[in-house]
Protein backbone atom coordinates (compact mmCIF):
# COMPACT_ATOMS: atom_id res chain seq x y z
CA UNK A 1 -73.50 55.47 332.88
CA UNK A 2 -70.89 55.07 330.19
CA UNK A 3 -69.98 58.22 328.34
CA UNK A 4 -69.20 57.59 324.68
CA UNK A 5 -67.03 59.77 322.50
CA UNK A 6 -68.27 60.97 319.13
CA UNK A 7 -65.94 58.52 317.38
CA UNK A 8 -67.38 55.59 319.35
CA UNK A 9 -70.94 56.71 318.56
CA UNK A 10 -70.12 56.87 314.84
CA UNK A 11 -68.56 53.40 314.93
CA UNK A 12 -71.64 52.00 316.68
CA UNK A 13 -74.01 53.55 314.12
CA UNK A 14 -72.13 52.19 311.10
CA UNK A 15 -71.46 48.77 312.66
CA UNK A 16 -75.09 48.29 313.68
CA UNK A 17 -76.36 49.20 310.22
CA UNK A 18 -73.89 46.97 308.39
CA UNK A 19 -74.68 44.12 310.78
CA UNK A 20 -78.42 44.51 310.20
CA UNK A 21 -78.02 44.57 306.41
CA UNK A 22 -75.69 41.57 306.52
CA UNK A 23 -78.14 39.71 308.76
CA UNK A 24 -81.03 40.30 306.37
CA UNK A 25 -79.03 39.08 303.37
CA UNK A 26 -77.60 36.10 305.27
CA UNK A 27 -81.08 35.12 306.40
CA UNK A 28 -82.35 35.43 302.86
CA UNK A 29 -79.56 33.29 301.43
CA UNK A 30 -79.73 30.68 304.20
CA UNK A 31 -83.23 29.57 303.16
CA UNK A 32 -83.00 27.18 300.20
CA UNK A 33 -84.99 28.35 297.22
CA UNK A 34 -86.55 24.92 296.73
CA UNK A 35 -88.19 25.16 300.15
CA UNK A 36 -90.16 28.19 299.08
CA UNK A 37 -90.94 27.22 295.46
CA UNK A 38 -94.69 27.03 295.62
CA UNK A 39 -96.45 26.77 292.27
CA UNK A 40 -98.79 29.72 292.03
CA UNK A 41 -98.66 31.11 288.51
CA UNK A 42 -100.04 29.55 285.37
CA UNK A 43 -97.47 29.37 282.59
CA UNK A 44 -98.08 29.99 278.89
CA UNK A 45 -98.43 26.27 278.16
CA UNK A 46 -100.92 25.65 280.98
CA UNK A 47 -98.37 24.40 283.55
CA UNK A 48 -97.89 25.91 286.96
CA UNK A 49 -94.60 27.69 287.52
CA UNK A 50 -92.93 28.60 290.84
CA UNK A 51 -93.72 32.12 291.93
CA UNK A 52 -91.06 32.49 294.63
CA UNK A 53 -88.83 35.49 294.06
CA UNK A 54 -85.71 34.98 296.19
CA UNK A 55 -84.69 38.64 296.28
CA UNK A 56 -87.29 41.38 296.08
CA UNK A 57 -86.29 44.12 293.64
CA UNK A 58 -86.33 46.78 296.36
CA UNK A 59 -84.03 44.96 298.79
CA UNK A 60 -80.66 45.84 297.18
CA UNK A 61 -81.67 49.50 296.96
CA UNK A 62 -82.83 49.63 300.59
CA UNK A 63 -79.65 47.85 301.70
CA UNK A 64 -77.43 50.35 299.92
CA UNK A 65 -79.51 53.27 301.11
CA UNK A 66 -79.33 52.11 304.74
CA UNK A 67 -75.53 51.90 304.61
CA UNK A 68 -75.27 55.33 302.94
CA UNK A 69 -77.58 56.91 305.52
CA UNK A 70 -75.52 55.43 308.37
CA UNK A 71 -72.30 56.76 306.81
CA UNK A 72 -73.83 60.24 306.47
CA UNK A 73 -75.01 60.02 310.07
CA UNK A 74 -71.55 59.01 311.23
CA UNK A 75 -70.06 61.90 309.26
CA UNK A 76 -72.47 64.30 310.96
CA UNK A 77 -71.53 62.90 314.36
CA UNK A 78 -67.82 63.39 313.63
CA UNK A 79 -68.29 66.79 311.96
CA UNK A 80 -66.06 69.53 313.30
CA UNK A 81 -68.16 71.66 315.67
CA UNK A 82 -66.35 74.82 314.51
CA UNK A 83 -67.71 74.62 310.95
CA UNK A 84 -69.66 77.64 309.72
CA UNK A 85 -73.37 77.24 310.19
CA UNK A 86 -73.01 75.21 313.38
CA UNK A 87 -75.01 76.85 316.14
CA UNK A 88 -73.09 75.93 319.26
CA UNK A 89 -72.26 77.96 322.33
CA UNK A 90 -70.16 81.02 321.51
CA UNK A 91 -68.24 83.42 323.73
CA UNK A 92 -68.52 87.13 323.11
CA UNK A 93 -65.44 88.86 321.68
CA UNK A 94 -64.96 90.84 324.88
CA UNK A 95 -64.81 87.66 326.93
CA UNK A 96 -68.14 88.46 328.55
CA UNK A 97 -71.38 86.58 328.31
CA UNK A 98 -71.91 83.21 326.71
CA UNK A 99 -74.73 82.99 324.17
CA UNK A 100 -76.43 79.91 322.83
CA UNK A 101 -76.06 80.99 319.18
CA UNK A 102 -79.63 82.35 318.80
């Protein structure tokens, strides 16, 4: 099995997220709006108006949030393991036993 470094894992996480967000937006923009304009709502003057909303209001927020979450995840992957608060394996000061940080 291939062993990936932390840097490679972070690159894969960010690239996959950006590719997924780009794919959703590209798919959304590739469909012509006229193809989905189906009259569903009654206008003020009694005429039907198209009800197709090309971009849902939540999509830009979810897209930005997904990219931010992937960047935070990549930062956590690349975080220095010697930072305070990290519970990794530690060696006793006398060079003796190895504890698991608990």
